[in-house]
């Protein structure tokens, strides 16, 4: 922002475009049979990207963790565990 004189809104829009482009490239790599990377590596890289996006999309989950940030991580990392919890408990924790 400082180097280009862009406003915060313009900078955010630019970053969103970069993120979208990165996701397109990663998804393409996942379905591309000619990738130089092993399938397990591609899967792990995608999972790490999902965790990062989930953590930082709605604010910093590390600097000021709250129950919503923790729940987003639970849903992303342990979907089977989350689905096994009682409905009242999962609904109350999402609020």
PDB file of N, CA and C in Angstrom:
ATOM      1  N   UNK A   1       0.824  -1.187   0.000  1.00  0.00           N
ATOM      2  CA  UNK A   1       0.000   0.000   0.000  1.00  0.00           C
ATOM      3  C   UNK A   1       0.868   1.250   0.000  1.00  0.00           C
ATOM      4  N   UNK A   2       1.898   1.227   0.827  1.00  0.00           N
ATOM      5  CA  UNK A   2       2.731   2.426   0.938  1.00  0.00           C
ATOM      6  C   UNK A   2       3.516   2.677  -0.340  1.00  0.00           C
ATOM      7  N   UNK A   3       3.987   1.612  -0.971  1.00  0.00           N
ATOM      8  CA  UNK A   3       4.813   1.755  -2.166  1.00  0.00           C
ATOM      9  C   UNK A   3       4.013   2.245  -3.362  1.00  0.00           C
ATOM     10  N   UNK A   4       2.762   1.813  -3.480  1.00  0.00           N
ATOM     11  CA  UNK A   4       1.957   2.162  -4.653  1.00  0.00           C
ATOM     12  C   UNK A   4       0.959   3.276  -4.382  1.00  0.00           C
ATOM     13  N   UNK A   5       0.743   3.610  -3.123  1.00  0.00           N
ATOM     14  CA  UNK A   5      -0.232   4.635  -2.780  1.00  0.00           C
ATOM     15  C   UNK A   5      -1.659   4.147  -2.884  1.00  0.00           C
ATOM     16  N   UNK A   6      -1.860   2.833  -2.902  1.00  0.00           N
ATOM     17  CA  UNK A   6      -3.204   2.261  -3.012  1.00  0.00           C
ATOM     18  C   UNK A   6      -3.943   2.397  -1.683  1.00  0.00           C
ATOM     19  N   UNK A   7      -5.251   2.480  -1.801  1.00  0.00           N
ATOM     20  CA  UNK A   7      -6.071   2.529  -0.590  1.00  0.00           C
ATOM     21  C   UNK A   7      -6.169   1.124   0.005  1.00  0.00           C
ATOM     22  N   UNK A   8      -6.665   1.042   1.223  1.00  0.00           N
ATOM     23  CA  UNK A   8      -6.821  -0.264   1.866  1.00  0.00           C
ATOM     24  C   UNK A   8      -7.802  -1.136   1.086  1.00  0.00           C
ATOM     25  N   UNK A   9      -8.869  -0.545   0.593  1.00  0.00           N
ATOM     26  CA  UNK A   9      -9.861  -1.304  -0.181  1.00  0.00           C
ATOM     27  C   UNK A   9      -9.239  -1.872  -1.460  1.00  0.00           C
ATOM     28  N   UNK A  10      -8.433  -1.064  -2.145  1.00  0.00           N
ATOM     29  CA  UNK A  10      -7.766  -1.540  -3.359  1.00  0.00           C
ATOM     30  C   UNK A  10      -6.774  -2.657  -3.043  1.00  0.00           C
ATOM     31  N   UNK A  11      -6.052  -2.504  -1.946  1.00  0.00           N
ATOM     32  CA  UNK A  11      -5.079  -3.517  -1.544  1.00  0.00           C
ATOM     33  C   UNK A  11      -5.782  -4.823  -1.200  1.00  0.00           C
ATOM     34  N   UNK A  12      -6.899  -4.739  -0.491  1.00  0.00           N
ATOM     35  CA  UNK A  12      -7.660  -5.943  -0.145  1.00  0.00           C
ATOM     36  C   UNK A  12      -8.172  -6.649  -1.401  1.00  0.00           C
ATOM     37  N   UNK A  13      -8.677  -5.865  -2.340  1.00  0.00           N
ATOM     38  CA  UNK A  13      -9.186  -6.431  -3.589  1.00  0.00           C
ATOM     39  C   UNK A  13      -8.058  -7.136  -4.357  1.00  0.00           C
ATOM     40  N   UNK A  14      -6.885  -6.520  -4.381  1.00  0.00           N
ATOM     41  CA  UNK A  14      -5.735  -7.110  -5.056  1.00  0.00           C
ATOM     42  C   UNK A  14      -5.337  -8.436  -4.396  1.00  0.00           C
ATOM     43  N   UNK A  15      -5.300  -8.457  -3.083  1.00  0.00           N
ATOM     44  CA  UNK A  15      -4.943  -9.674  -2.350  1.00  0.00           C
ATOM     45  C   UNK A  15      -5.979 -10.767  -2.604  1.00  0.00           C
ATOM     46  N   UNK A  16      -7.262 -10.407  -2.629  1.00  0.00           N
ATOM     47  CA  UNK A  16      -8.306 -11.387  -2.920  1.00  0.00           C
ATOM     48  C   UNK A  16      -8.105 -12.011  -4.300  1.00  0.00           C
ATOM     49  N   UNK A  17      -7.731 -11.197  -5.285  1.00  0.00           N
ATOM     50  CA  UNK A  17      -7.468 -11.723  -6.627  1.00  0.00           C
ATOM     51  C   UNK A  17      -6.275 -12.675  -6.621  1.00  0.00           C
ATOM     52  N   UNK A  18      -5.229 -12.327  -5.871  1.00  0.00           N
ATOM     53  CA  UNK A  18      -4.066 -13.209  -5.777  1.00  0.00           C
ATOM     54  C   UNK A  18      -4.434 -14.544  -5.127  1.00  0.00           C
ATOM     55  N   UNK A  19      -5.273 -14.496  -4.095  1.00  0.00           N
ATOM     56  CA  UNK A  19      -5.710 -15.715  -3.422  1.00  0.00           C
ATOM     57  C   UNK A  19      -6.538 -16.572  -4.375  1.00  0.00           C
ATOM     58  N   UNK A  20      -7.454 -15.951  -5.114  1.00  0.00           N
ATOM     59  CA  UNK A  20      -8.272 -16.704  -6.075  1.00  0.00           C
ATOM     60  C   UNK A  20      -7.399 -17.368  -7.137  1.00  0.00           C
ATOM     61  N   UNK A  21      -6.404 -16.650  -7.628  1.00  0.00           N
ATOM     62  CA  UNK A  21      -5.501 -17.198  -8.635  1.00  0.00           C
ATOM     63  C   UNK A  21      -4.716 -18.386  -8.061  1.00  0.00           C
ATOM     64  N   UNK A  22      -4.262 -18.250  -6.821  1.00  0.00           N
ATOM     65  CA  UNK A  22      -3.516 -19.336  -6.181  1.00  0.00           C
ATOM     66  C   UNK A  22      -4.394 -20.572  -6.015  1.00  0.00           C
ATOM     67  N   UNK A  23      -5.661 -20.378  -5.610  1.00  0.00           N
ATOM     68  CA  UNK A  23      -6.575 -21.517  -5.468  1.00  0.00           C
ATOM     69  C   UNK A  23      -6.818 -22.191  -6.808  1.00  0.00           C
ATOM     70  N   UNK A  24      -6.983 -21.406  -7.867  1.00  0.00           N
ATOM     71  CA  UNK A  24      -7.171 -21.992  -9.202  1.00  0.00           C
ATOM     72  C   UNK A  24      -5.967 -22.853  -9.583  1.00  0.00           C
ATOM     73  N   UNK A  25      -4.777 -22.332  -9.335  1.00  0.00           N
ATOM     74  CA  UNK A  25      -3.561 -23.084  -9.661  1.00  0.00           C
ATOM     75  C   UNK A  25      -3.443 -24.357  -8.832  1.00  0.00           C
ATOM     76  N   UNK A  26      -3.762 -24.281  -7.552  1.00  0.00           N
ATOM     77  CA  UNK A  26      -3.670 -25.465  -6.697  1.00  0.00           C
ATOM     78  C   UNK A  26      -4.715 -26.509  -7.082  1.00  0.00           C
ATOM     79  N   UNK A  27      -5.926 -26.070  -7.388  1.00  0.00           N
ATOM     80  CA  UNK A  27      -6.962 -27.012  -7.806  1.00  0.00           C
ATOM     81  C   UNK A  27      -6.613 -27.657  -9.140  1.00  0.00           C
ATOM     82  N   UNK A  28      -6.025 -26.886 -10.038  1.00  0.00           N
ATOM     83  CA  UNK A  28      -5.590 -27.428 -11.320  1.00  0.00           C
ATOM     84  C   UNK A  28      -4.512 -28.480 -11.097  1.00  0.00           C
ATOM     85  N   UNK A  29      -3.605 -28.210 -10.205  1.00  0.00           N
ATOM     86  CA  UNK A  29      -2.524 -29.155  -9.899  1.00  0.00           C
ATOM     87  C   UNK A  29      -3.092 -30.439  -9.305  1.00  0.00           C
ATOM     88  N   UNK A  30      -4.181 -30.324  -8.559  1.00  0.00           N
ATOM     89  CA  UNK A  30      -4.788 -31.497  -7.934  1.00  0.00           C
ATOM     90  C   UNK A  30      -5.379 -32.442  -8.978  1.00  0.00           C
ATOM     91  N   UNK A  31      -5.967 -31.897 -10.040  1.00  0.00           N
ATOM     92  CA  UNK A  31      -6.596 -32.753 -11.043  1.00  0.00           C
ATOM     93  C   UNK A  31      -5.684 -33.039 -12.234  1.00  0.00           C
ATOM     94  N   UNK A  32      -4.563 -32.353 -12.313  1.00  0.00           N
ATOM     95  CA  UNK A  32      -3.632 -32.529 -13.425  1.00  0.00           C
ATOM     96  C   UNK A  32      -2.811 -33.802 -13.222  1.00  0.00           C
ATOM     97  N   UNK A  33      -2.839 -34.679 -14.196  1.00  0.00           N
ATOM     98  CA  UNK A  33      -2.079 -35.930 -14.108  1.00  0.00           C
ATOM     99  C   UNK A  33      -0.601 -35.744 -14.429  1.00  0.00           C
ATOM    100  N   UNK A  34      -0.227 -34.594 -14.963  1.00  0.00           N
ATOM    101  CA  UNK A  34       1.161 -34.369 -15.370  1.00  0.00           C
ATOM    102  C   UNK A  34       1.934 -33.515 -14.368  1.00  0.00           C
ATOM    103  N   UNK A  35       1.450 -33.406 -13.165  1.00  0.00           N
ATOM    104  CA  UNK A  35       2.147 -32.620 -12.151  1.00  0.00           C
ATOM    105  C   UNK A  35       3.417 -33.355 -11.703  1.00  0.00           C
ATOM    106  N   UNK A  36       4.490 -32.630 -11.423  1.00  0.00           N
ATOM    107  CA  UNK A  36       5.728 -33.286 -10.989  1.00  0.00           C
ATOM    108  C   UNK A  36       5.687 -33.719  -9.520  1.00  0.00           C
ATOM    109  N   UNK A  37       4.611 -33.390  -8.823  1.00  0.00           N
ATOM    110  CA  UNK A  37       4.530 -33.677  -7.393  1.00  0.00           C
ATOM    111  C   UNK A  37       3.712 -34.937  -7.128  1.00  0.00           C
ATOM    112  N   UNK A  38       4.032 -35.611  -6.050  1.00  0.00           N
ATOM    113  CA  UNK A  38       3.276 -36.794  -5.632  1.00  0.00           C
ATOM    114  C   UNK A  38       1.877 -36.372  -5.175  1.00  0.00           C
ATOM    115  N   UNK A  39       0.905 -37.243  -5.375  1.00  0.00           N
ATOM    116  CA  UNK A  39      -0.482 -36.945  -4.971  1.00  0.00           C
ATOM    117  C   UNK A  39      -0.572 -36.616  -3.483  1.00  0.00           C
ATOM    118  N   UNK A  40       0.179 -37.331  -2.664  1.00  0.00           N
ATOM    119  CA  UNK A  40       0.127 -37.082  -1.222  1.00  0.00           C
ATOM    120  C   UNK A  40       0.641 -35.680  -0.886  1.00  0.00           C
ATOM    121  N   UNK A  41       1.668 -35.229  -1.608  1.00  0.00           N
ATOM    122  CA  UNK A  41       2.201 -33.886  -1.385  1.00  0.00           C
ATOM    123  C   UNK A  41       1.175 -32.831  -1.772  1.00  0.00           C
ATOM    124  N   UNK A  42       0.535 -33.026  -2.931  1.00  0.00           N
ATOM    125  CA  UNK A  42      -0.484 -32.070  -3.397  1.00  0.00           C
ATOM    126  C   UNK A  42      -1.635 -32.008  -2.404  1.00  0.00           C
ATOM    127  N   UNK A  43      -2.084 -33.176  -1.917  1.00  0.00           N
ATOM    128  CA  UNK A  43      -3.173 -33.209  -0.941  1.00  0.00           C
ATOM    129  C   UNK A  43      -2.811 -32.501   0.352  1.00  0.00           C
ATOM    130  N   UNK A  44      -1.593 -32.718   0.820  1.00  0.00           N
ATOM    131  CA  UNK A  44      -1.138 -32.061   2.052  1.00  0.00           C
ATOM    132  C   UNK A  44      -1.043 -30.551   1.858  1.00  0.00           C
ATOM    133  N   UNK A  45      -0.520 -30.125   0.715  1.00  0.00           N
ATOM    134  CA  UNK A  45      -0.415 -28.687   0.433  1.00  0.00           C
ATOM    135  C   UNK A  45      -1.793 -28.039   0.393  1.00  0.00           C
ATOM    136  N   UNK A  46      -2.755 -28.709  -0.214  1.00  0.00           N
ATOM    137  CA  UNK A  46      -4.121 -28.166  -0.260  1.00  0.00           C
ATOM    138  C   UNK A  46      -4.731 -28.086   1.135  1.00  0.00           C
ATOM    139  N   UNK A  47      -4.504 -29.107   1.946  1.00  0.00           N
ATOM    140  CA  UNK A  47      -5.041 -29.071   3.309  1.00  0.00           C
ATOM    141  C   UNK A  47      -4.427 -27.935   4.129  1.00  0.00           C
ATOM    142  N   UNK A  48      -3.140 -27.714   3.977  1.00  0.00           N
ATOM    143  CA  UNK A  48      -2.500 -26.597   4.683  1.00  0.00           C
ATOM    144  C   UNK A  48      -3.051 -25.258   4.207  1.00  0.00           C
ATOM    145  N   UNK A  49      -3.299 -25.144   2.917  1.00  0.00           N
ATOM    146  CA  UNK A  49      -3.872 -23.908   2.382  1.00  0.00           C
ATOM    147  C   UNK A  49      -5.283 -23.692   2.924  1.00  0.00           C
ATOM    148  N   UNK A  50      -6.062 -24.765   3.028  1.00  0.00           N
ATOM    149  CA  UNK A  50      -7.412 -24.652   3.590  1.00  0.00           C
ATOM    150  C   UNK A  50      -7.369 -24.172   5.041  1.00  0.00           C
ATOM    151  N   UNK A  51      -6.443 -24.739   5.790  1.00  0.00           N
ATOM    152  CA  UNK A  51      -6.319 -24.340   7.198  1.00  0.00           C
ATOM    153  C   UNK A  51      -5.931 -22.867   7.295  1.00  0.00           C
ATOM    154  N   UNK A  52      -4.977 -22.436   6.479  1.00  0.00           N
ATOM    155  CA  UNK A  52      -4.537 -21.039   6.516  1.00  0.00           C
ATOM    156  C   UNK A  52      -5.686 -20.103   6.146  1.00  0.00           C
ATOM    157  N   UNK A  53      -6.415 -20.448   5.096  1.00  0.00           N
ATOM    158  CA  UNK A  53      -7.529 -19.585   4.691  1.00  0.00           C
ATOM    159  C   UNK A  53      -8.598 -19.548   5.771  1.00  0.00           C
ATOM    160  N   UNK A  54      -8.895 -20.690   6.336  1.00  0.00           N
ATOM    161  CA  UNK A  54      -9.910 -20.761   7.395  1.00  0.00           C
ATOM    162  C   UNK A  54      -9.485 -19.931   8.610  1.00  0.00           C
ATOM    163  N   UNK A  55      -8.211 -19.990   8.934  1.00  0.00           N
ATOM    164  CA  UNK A  55      -7.716 -19.274  10.108  1.00  0.00           C
ATOM    165  C   UNK A  55      -7.739 -17.766   9.911  1.00  0.00           C
ATOM    166  N   UNK A  56      -7.316 -17.301   8.746  1.00  0.00           N
ATOM    167  CA  UNK A  56      -7.129 -15.867   8.562  1.00  0.00           C
ATOM    168  C   UNK A  56      -8.233 -15.168   7.778  1.00  0.00           C
ATOM    169  N   UNK A  57      -9.175 -15.909   7.217  1.00  0.00           N
ATOM    170  CA  UNK A  57     -10.226 -15.290   6.416  1.00  0.00           C
ATOM    171  C   UNK A  57     -11.110 -14.364   7.243  1.00  0.00           C
ATOM    172  N   UNK A  58     -11.377 -14.741   8.469  1.00  0.00           N
ATOM    173  CA  UNK A  58     -12.264 -13.951   9.333  1.00  0.00           C
ATOM    174  C   UNK A  58     -11.509 -13.349  10.501  1.00  0.00           C
ATOM    175  N   UNK A  59     -10.271 -13.021  10.293  1.00  0.00           N
ATOM    176  CA  UNK A  59      -9.475 -12.430  11.362  1.00  0.00           C
ATOM    177  C   UNK A  59      -8.383 -13.385  11.799  1.00  0.00           C
ATOM    178  N   UNK A  60      -7.547 -12.919  12.661  1.00  0.00           N
ATOM    179  CA  UNK A  60      -6.405 -13.684  13.133  1.00  0.00           C
ATOM    180  C   UNK A  60      -6.846 -14.657  14.217  1.00  0.00           C
ATOM    181  N   UNK A  61      -6.822 -15.927  13.916  1.00  0.00           N
ATOM    182  CA  UNK A  61      -7.211 -16.937  14.884  1.00  0.00           C
ATOM    183  C   UNK A  61      -6.149 -17.200  15.928  1.00  0.00           C
ATOM    184  N   UNK A  62      -4.942 -16.681  15.735  1.00  0.00           N
ATOM    185  CA  UNK A  62      -3.865 -16.911  16.697  1.00  0.00           C
ATOM    186  C   UNK A  62      -3.724 -15.752  17.675  1.00  0.00           C
ATOM    187  N   UNK A  63      -3.776 -14.536  17.184  1.00  0.00           N
ATOM    188  CA  UNK A  63      -3.550 -13.373  18.039  1.00  0.00           C
ATOM    189  C   UNK A  63      -4.661 -13.155  19.042  1.00  0.00           C
ATOM    190  N   UNK A  64      -5.878 -13.421  18.632  1.00  0.00           N
ATOM    191  CA  UNK A  64      -7.022 -13.238  19.520  1.00  0.00           C
ATOM    192  C   UNK A  64      -7.998 -14.389  19.310  1.00  0.00           C
ATOM    193  N   UNK A  65      -7.617 -15.599  19.719  1.00  0.00           N
ATOM    194  CA  UNK A  65      -8.493 -16.737  19.476  1.00  0.00           C
ATOM    195  C   UNK A  65      -9.783 -16.642  20.290  1.00  0.00           C
ATOM    196  N   UNK A  66     -10.864 -16.965  19.636  1.00  0.00           N
ATOM    197  CA  UNK A  66     -12.140 -17.051  20.332  1.00  0.00           C
ATOM    198  C   UNK A  66     -12.776 -18.382  19.955  1.00  0.00           C
ATOM    199  N   UNK A  67     -13.947 -18.650  20.448  1.00  0.00           N
ATOM    200  CA  UNK A  67     -14.566 -19.946  20.193  1.00  0.00           C
ATOM    201  C   UNK A  67     -14.883 -20.142  18.718  1.00  0.00           C
ATOM    202  N   UNK A  68     -15.208 -19.073  17.993  1.00  0.00           N
ATOM    203  CA  UNK A  68     -15.505 -19.229  16.566  1.00  0.00           C
ATOM    204  C   UNK A  68     -14.275 -19.663  15.789  1.00  0.00           C
ATOM    205  N   UNK A  69     -13.127 -19.079  16.094  1.00  0.00           N
ATOM    206  CA  UNK A  69     -11.892 -19.477  15.408  1.00  0.00           C
ATOM    207  C   UNK A  69     -11.559 -20.937  15.705  1.00  0.00           C
ATOM    208  N   UNK A  70     -11.702 -21.323  16.948  1.00  0.00           N
ATOM    209  CA  UNK A  70     -11.410 -22.704  17.328  1.00  0.00           C
ATOM    210  C   UNK A  70     -12.374 -23.666  16.653  1.00  0.00           C
ATOM    211  N   UNK A  71     -13.642 -23.291  16.573  1.00  0.00           N
ATOM    212  CA  UNK A  71     -14.625 -24.154  15.927  1.00  0.00           C
ATOM    213  C   UNK A  71     -14.352 -24.296  14.441  1.00  0.00           C
ATOM    214  N   UNK A  72     -13.933 -23.211  13.781  1.00  0.00           N
ATOM    215  CA  UNK A  72     -13.591 -23.299  12.365  1.00  0.00           C
ATOM    216  C   UNK A  72     -12.436 -24.280  12.155  1.00  0.00           C
ATOM    217  N   UNK A  73     -11.462 -24.246  13.045  1.00  0.00           N
ATOM    218  CA  UNK A  73     -10.343 -25.166  12.931  1.00  0.00           C
ATOM    219  C   UNK A  73     -10.801 -26.603  13.167  1.00  0.00           C
ATOM    220  N   UNK A  74     -11.679 -26.812  14.139  1.00  0.00           N
ATOM    221  CA  UNK A  74     -12.211 -28.151  14.388  1.00  0.00           C
ATOM    222  C   UNK A  74     -12.924 -28.697  13.161  1.00  0.00           C
ATOM    223  N   UNK A  75     -13.754 -27.861  12.550  1.00  0.00           N
ATOM    224  CA  UNK A  75     -14.505 -28.285  11.373  1.00  0.00           C
ATOM    225  C   UNK A  75     -13.552 -28.638  10.239  1.00  0.00           C
ATOM    226  N   UNK A  76     -12.508 -27.836  10.060  1.00  0.00           N
ATOM    227  CA  UNK A  76     -11.569 -28.066   8.956  1.00  0.00           C
ATOM    228  C   UNK A  76     -10.682 -29.283   9.186  1.00  0.00           C
ATOM    229  N   UNK A  77     -10.180 -29.421  10.393  1.00  0.00           N
ATOM    230  CA  UNK A  77      -9.191 -30.464  10.659  1.00  0.00           C
ATOM    231  C   UNK A  77      -9.802 -31.808  11.045  1.00  0.00           C
ATOM    232  N   UNK A  78     -10.935 -31.760  11.721  1.00  0.00           N
ATOM    233  CA  UNK A  78     -11.528 -32.983  12.244  1.00  0.00           C
ATOM    234  C   UNK A  78     -13.020 -33.052  11.937  1.00  0.00           C
ATOM    235  N   UNK A  79     -13.387 -33.118  10.652  1.00  0.00           N
ATOM    236  CA  UNK A  79     -14.813 -33.096  10.312  1.00  0.00           C
ATOM    237  C   UNK A  79     -15.585 -34.269  10.902  1.00  0.00           C
ATOM    238  N   UNK A  80     -14.982 -35.450  10.975  1.00  0.00           N
ATOM    239  CA  UNK A  80     -15.689 -36.610  11.525  1.00  0.00           C
ATOM    240  C   UNK A  80     -15.989 -36.406  13.007  1.00  0.00           C
ATOM    241  N   UNK A  81     -15.049 -35.834  13.733  1.00  0.00           N
ATOM    242  CA  UNK A  81     -15.265 -35.552  15.151  1.00  0.00           C
ATOM    243  C   UNK A  81     -16.376 -34.527  15.320  1.00  0.00           C
ATOM    244  N   UNK A  82     -16.359 -33.495  14.499  1.00  0.00           N
ATOM    245  CA  UNK A  82     -17.365 -32.445  14.592  1.00  0.00           C
ATOM    246  C   UNK A  82     -18.754 -33.010  14.313  1.00  0.00           C
ATOM    247  N   UNK A  83     -18.869 -33.868  13.336  1.00  0.00           N
ATOM    248  CA  UNK A  83     -20.170 -34.436  12.985  1.00  0.00           C
ATOM    249  C   UNK A  83     -20.695 -35.379  14.055  1.00  0.00           C
ATOM    250  N   UNK A  84     -19.809 -35.927  14.862  1.00  0.00           N
ATOM    251  CA  UNK A  84     -20.242 -36.862  15.896  1.00  0.00           C
ATOM    252  C   UNK A  84     -20.716 -36.167  17.170  1.00  0.00           C
ATOM    253  N   UNK A  85     -20.483 -34.866  17.303  1.00  0.00           N
ATOM    254  CA  UNK A  85     -20.924 -34.144  18.485  1.00  0.00           C
ATOM    255  C   UNK A  85     -22.436 -33.934  18.459  1.00  0.00           C
ATOM    256  N   UNK A  86     -23.068 -33.875  19.630  1.00  0.00           N
ATOM    257  CA  UNK A  86     -24.510 -33.633  19.662  1.00  0.00           C
ATOM    258  C   UNK A  86     -24.869 -32.306  19.020  1.00  0.00           C
ATOM    259  N   UNK A  87     -26.060 -32.245  18.407  1.00  0.00           N
ATOM    260  CA  UNK A  87     -26.479 -31.050  17.669  1.00  0.00           C
ATOM    261  C   UNK A  87     -26.532 -29.802  18.545  1.00  0.00           C
ATOM    262  N   UNK A  88     -27.058 -29.916  19.762  1.00  0.00           N
ATOM    263  CA  UNK A  88     -27.168 -28.747  20.639  1.00  0.00           C
ATOM    264  C   UNK A  88     -25.792 -28.179  20.960  1.00  0.00           C
ATOM    265  N   UNK A  89     -24.830 -29.049  21.166  1.00  0.00           N
ATOM    266  CA  UNK A  89     -23.481 -28.614  21.492  1.00  0.00           C
ATOM    267  C   UNK A  89     -22.840 -27.897  20.291  1.00  0.00           C
ATOM    268  N   UNK A  90     -22.982 -28.453  19.096  1.00  0.00           N
ATOM    269  CA  UNK A  90     -22.366 -27.823  17.932  1.00  0.00           C
ATOM    270  C   UNK A  90     -23.035 -26.503  17.581  1.00  0.00           C
ATOM    271  N   UNK A  91     -24.358 -26.403  17.732  1.00  0.00           N
ATOM    272  CA  UNK A  91     -25.069 -25.162  17.455  1.00  0.00           C
ATOM    273  C   UNK A  91     -24.669 -24.086  18.449  1.00  0.00           C
ATOM    274  N   UNK A  92     -24.577 -24.428  19.713  1.00  0.00           N
ATOM    275  CA  UNK A  92     -24.209 -23.452  20.747  1.00  0.00           C
ATOM    276  C   UNK A  92     -22.782 -22.959  20.545  1.00  0.00           C
ATOM    277  N   UNK A  93     -21.887 -23.815  20.119  1.00  0.00           N
ATOM    278  CA  UNK A  93     -20.496 -23.415  19.948  1.00  0.00           C
ATOM    279  C   UNK A  93     -20.290 -22.557  18.714  1.00  0.00           C
ATOM    280  N   UNK A  94     -21.134 -22.675  17.717  1.00  0.00           N
ATOM    281  CA  UNK A  94     -20.968 -21.886  16.502  1.00  0.00           C
ATOM    282  C   UNK A  94     -21.382 -20.439  16.716  1.00  0.00           C
ATOM    283  N   UNK A  95     -22.174 -20.155  17.710  1.00  0.00           N
ATOM    284  CA  UNK A  95     -22.631 -18.781  17.957  1.00  0.00           C
ATOM    285  C   UNK A  95     -21.583 -17.935  18.602  1.00  0.00           C
TER     286      UNK A  95
END
